[in-house]
Amino acid sequence: MKRLVILIAVMCVCLGINAQADSAMRFGYLSYGEALQSMRDYAVVQQKLADLRQQFQNETLRAEDEFNRKYEEFLEGQRDFPQSILQKRQLELQQLMEKNLEFKEHSRMEIEKAEQDLMAPLKIRLIEVLGKIGRERGYAFIIDTDVKALPFINPAMGHDLNQQVQDALK
């Protein structure tokens, strides 16, 4: 019941605002992803991330090769090892495998952080441009069509900002 009252109150406020406005509420929409990709620095950021991913992948492959080599040595000598050496080697292999798994997780987190850090200035710039366009055109809001939360947007009631935003970002 409380939700219904709140919903009705919000609708009344919105209708009151619409009734007072000279025209219907205006909004814009765009693909946030396309706008980001149209920025000059986007390719540079993607190349830096690709280089970083490659460095971590190379190190992961090196560590895996080391593990495989030690495992093969272990398999070749396990029949001849005394029990204490066998247990020591098994423990070494287990520790090496755990370190490799930790490194993979650490790598994933480092790449995510690097992506956030490198993309932050681009996202800030995009938000600034969207704010400027929104204020200039008197929009109540700008919708990101990438989210897919709105399966239909009537182009007669909203404005496609894709090209204007891409032009403003260049």
Protein backbone atom coordinates (compact mmCIF):
# COMPACT_ATOMS: atom_id res chain seq x y z
CA MET A 1 0.00 0.00 0.00
CA LYS A 2 2.82 2.36 0.93
CA ARG A 3 4.55 1.65 -2.40
CA LEU A 4 1.35 2.38 -4.29
CA VAL A 5 0.99 5.75 -2.57
CA ILE A 6 4.59 6.63 -3.36
CA LEU A 7 4.17 5.55 -6.99
CA ILE A 8 1.03 7.66 -7.36
CA ALA A 9 2.78 10.66 -5.79
CA VAL A 10 5.74 10.33 -8.17
CA MET A 11 3.41 10.04 -11.15
CA CYS A 12 1.50 13.16 -10.06
CA VAL A 13 4.72 15.12 -9.72
CA CYS A 14 5.87 13.97 -13.16
CA LEU A 15 2.51 14.82 -14.71
CA GLY A 16 2.57 18.21 -13.01
CA ILE A 17 6.02 18.93 -14.38
CA ASN A 18 4.97 17.82 -17.85
CA ALA A 19 1.83 19.94 -17.72
CA GLN A 20 3.89 23.00 -16.80
CA ALA A 21 6.52 22.45 -19.48
CA ASP A 22 6.15 24.04 -22.89
CA SER A 23 6.62 20.66 -24.52
CA ALA A 24 6.95 17.02 -23.57
CA MET A 25 9.93 15.90 -21.54
CA ARG A 26 12.97 15.68 -23.80
CA PHE A 27 15.66 13.08 -23.64
CA GLY A 28 18.58 11.82 -25.64
CA TYR A 29 19.96 8.36 -26.18
CA LEU A 30 23.23 6.88 -27.38
CA SER A 31 25.45 3.84 -27.32
CA TYR A 32 27.91 4.53 -24.50
CA GLY A 33 30.28 1.86 -25.83
CA GLU A 34 30.33 3.30 -29.35
CA ALA A 35 30.96 6.76 -27.92
CA LEU A 36 33.94 5.47 -25.91
CA GLN A 37 35.32 3.61 -28.91
CA SER A 38 35.12 6.74 -31.04
CA MET A 39 37.53 8.60 -28.77
CA ARG A 40 41.07 9.13 -30.06
CA ASP A 41 42.72 7.72 -26.94
CA TYR A 42 40.58 4.58 -26.87
CA ALA A 43 42.89 2.71 -29.29
CA VAL A 44 45.92 3.73 -27.22
CA VAL A 45 44.28 2.44 -24.04
CA GLN A 46 43.33 -0.84 -25.72
CA GLN A 47 46.90 -1.31 -27.00
CA LYS A 48 48.34 -0.69 -23.53
CA LEU A 49 45.92 -3.23 -22.08
CA ALA A 50 46.77 -5.76 -24.80
CA ASP A 51 50.49 -5.30 -24.07
CA LEU A 52 49.91 -5.77 -20.35
CA ARG A 53 47.79 -8.89 -20.96
CA GLN A 54 50.54 -10.28 -23.19
CA GLN A 55 53.19 -9.68 -20.52
CA PHE A 56 51.13 -11.50 -17.90
CA GLN A 57 50.35 -14.29 -20.34
CA ASN A 58 54.05 -14.72 -21.17
CA GLU A 59 54.90 -14.94 -17.48
CA THR A 60 52.08 -17.42 -16.89
CA LEU A 61 53.37 -19.62 -19.74
CA ARG A 62 56.91 -19.44 -18.35
CA ALA A 63 55.66 -20.52 -14.92
CA GLU A 64 53.61 -23.35 -16.43
CA ASP A 65 56.63 -24.54 -18.40
CA GLU A 66 58.69 -24.54 -15.21
CA PHE A 67 56.01 -26.52 -13.39
CA ASN A 68 55.72 -29.04 -16.25
CA ARG A 69 59.50 -29.50 -16.36
CA LYS A 70 59.69 -30.14 -12.60
CA TYR A 71 56.69 -32.46 -12.76
CA GLU A 72 58.32 -34.51 -15.52
CA GLU A 73 61.53 -34.72 -13.46
CA PHE A 74 59.46 -35.86 -10.50
CA LEU A 75 57.71 -38.56 -12.55
CA GLU A 76 61.01 -39.82 -13.97
CA GLY A 77 62.67 -40.11 -10.57
CA GLN A 78 59.80 -41.01 -8.26
CA ARG A 79 60.60 -44.74 -8.29
CA ASP A 80 64.18 -44.12 -7.21
CA PHE A 81 63.57 -41.40 -4.60
CA PRO A 82 63.57 -42.24 -0.93
CA GLN A 83 60.26 -41.41 0.78
CA SER A 84 61.54 -38.15 2.31
CA ILE A 85 62.75 -36.79 -1.07
CA LEU A 86 59.52 -37.93 -2.72
CA GLN A 87 57.46 -36.03 -0.14
CA LYS A 88 59.70 -32.96 -0.46
CA ARG A 89 59.30 -32.90 -4.24
CA GLN A 90 55.54 -33.39 -3.98
CA LEU A 91 55.35 -30.46 -1.57
CA GLU A 92 57.48 -28.33 -3.93
CA LEU A 93 55.17 -29.14 -6.83
CA GLN A 94 52.10 -28.35 -4.77
CA GLN A 95 53.58 -25.02 -3.64
CA LEU A 96 54.58 -24.15 -7.18
CA MET A 97 51.09 -24.92 -8.44
CA GLU A 98 49.56 -22.76 -5.68
CA LYS A 99 51.92 -19.88 -6.52
CA ASN A 100 50.97 -20.15 -10.18
CA LEU A 101 47.27 -20.01 -9.32
CA GLU A 102 47.86 -17.01 -7.05
CA PHE A 103 49.79 -15.30 -9.84
CA LYS A 104 46.96 -15.88 -12.32
CA GLU A 105 44.45 -14.33 -9.91
CA HIS A 106 46.82 -11.45 -9.18
CA SER A 107 47.29 -10.92 -12.92
CA ARG A 108 43.56 -10.80 -13.50
CA MET A 109 43.13 -8.22 -10.75
CA GLU A 110 46.06 -6.13 -12.03
CA ILE A 111 44.61 -6.08 -15.55
CA GLU A 112 41.17 -5.08 -14.23
CA LYS A 113 42.71 -2.26 -12.18
CA ALA A 114 44.82 -1.09 -15.12
CA GLU A 115 41.72 -1.07 -17.33
CA GLN A 116 39.80 0.99 -14.78
CA ASP A 117 42.71 3.42 -14.37
CA LEU A 118 43.31 3.80 -18.11
CA MET A 119 39.61 4.13 -19.00
CA ALA A 120 38.79 6.60 -16.19
CA PRO A 121 39.93 9.76 -18.06
CA LEU A 122 37.98 8.69 -21.17
CA LYS A 123 34.83 8.03 -19.15
CA ILE A 124 35.17 11.35 -17.34
CA ARG A 125 35.53 13.16 -20.66
CA LEU A 126 32.48 11.37 -22.07
CA ILE A 127 30.39 12.22 -19.01
CA GLU A 128 31.43 15.87 -19.30
CA VAL A 129 30.44 15.96 -22.99
CA LEU A 130 27.11 14.27 -22.25
CA GLY A 131 26.42 16.77 -19.47
CA LYS A 132 27.20 19.69 -21.73
CA ILE A 133 25.00 18.38 -24.55
CA GLY A 134 22.22 17.53 -22.10
CA ARG A 135 22.20 21.02 -20.61
CA GLU A 136 22.44 22.76 -24.00
CA ARG A 137 19.52 20.80 -25.44
CA GLY A 138 17.41 20.87 -22.27
CA TYR A 139 17.25 17.09 -21.81
CA ALA A 140 15.79 15.62 -18.65
CA PHE A 141 18.14 12.65 -19.08
CA ILE A 142 20.31 10.75 -21.57
CA ILE A 143 19.82 7.01 -21.94
CA ASP A 144 22.59 4.49 -22.57
CA THR A 145 21.15 2.05 -25.13
CA ASP A 146 23.92 -0.49 -24.45
CA VAL A 147 22.30 -1.44 -21.15
CA LYS A 148 19.31 -2.96 -22.95
CA ALA A 149 17.00 -1.90 -20.10
CA LEU A 150 14.71 -0.16 -22.60
CA PRO A 151 13.78 -2.50 -25.42
CA PHE A 152 12.03 0.33 -27.27
CA ILE A 153 12.74 4.04 -27.56
CA ASN A 154 10.43 6.09 -29.73
CA PRO A 155 12.76 8.21 -31.91
CA ALA A 156 9.99 10.79 -32.29
CA MET A 157 10.13 11.49 -28.56
CA GLY A 158 13.87 11.26 -27.98
CA HIS A 159 16.96 12.29 -29.87
CA ASP A 160 19.71 9.97 -31.10
CA LEU A 161 22.94 11.57 -29.88
CA ASN A 162 25.43 9.04 -31.22
CA GLN A 163 26.87 11.17 -34.02
CA GLN A 164 26.75 14.45 -32.07
CA VAL A 165 28.60 12.92 -29.11
CA GLN A 166 31.18 11.26 -31.35
CA ASP A 167 31.79 14.58 -33.10
CA ALA A 168 32.12 16.41 -29.77
CA LEU A 169 34.65 13.86 -28.52
CA LYS A 170 36.99 14.33 -31.49
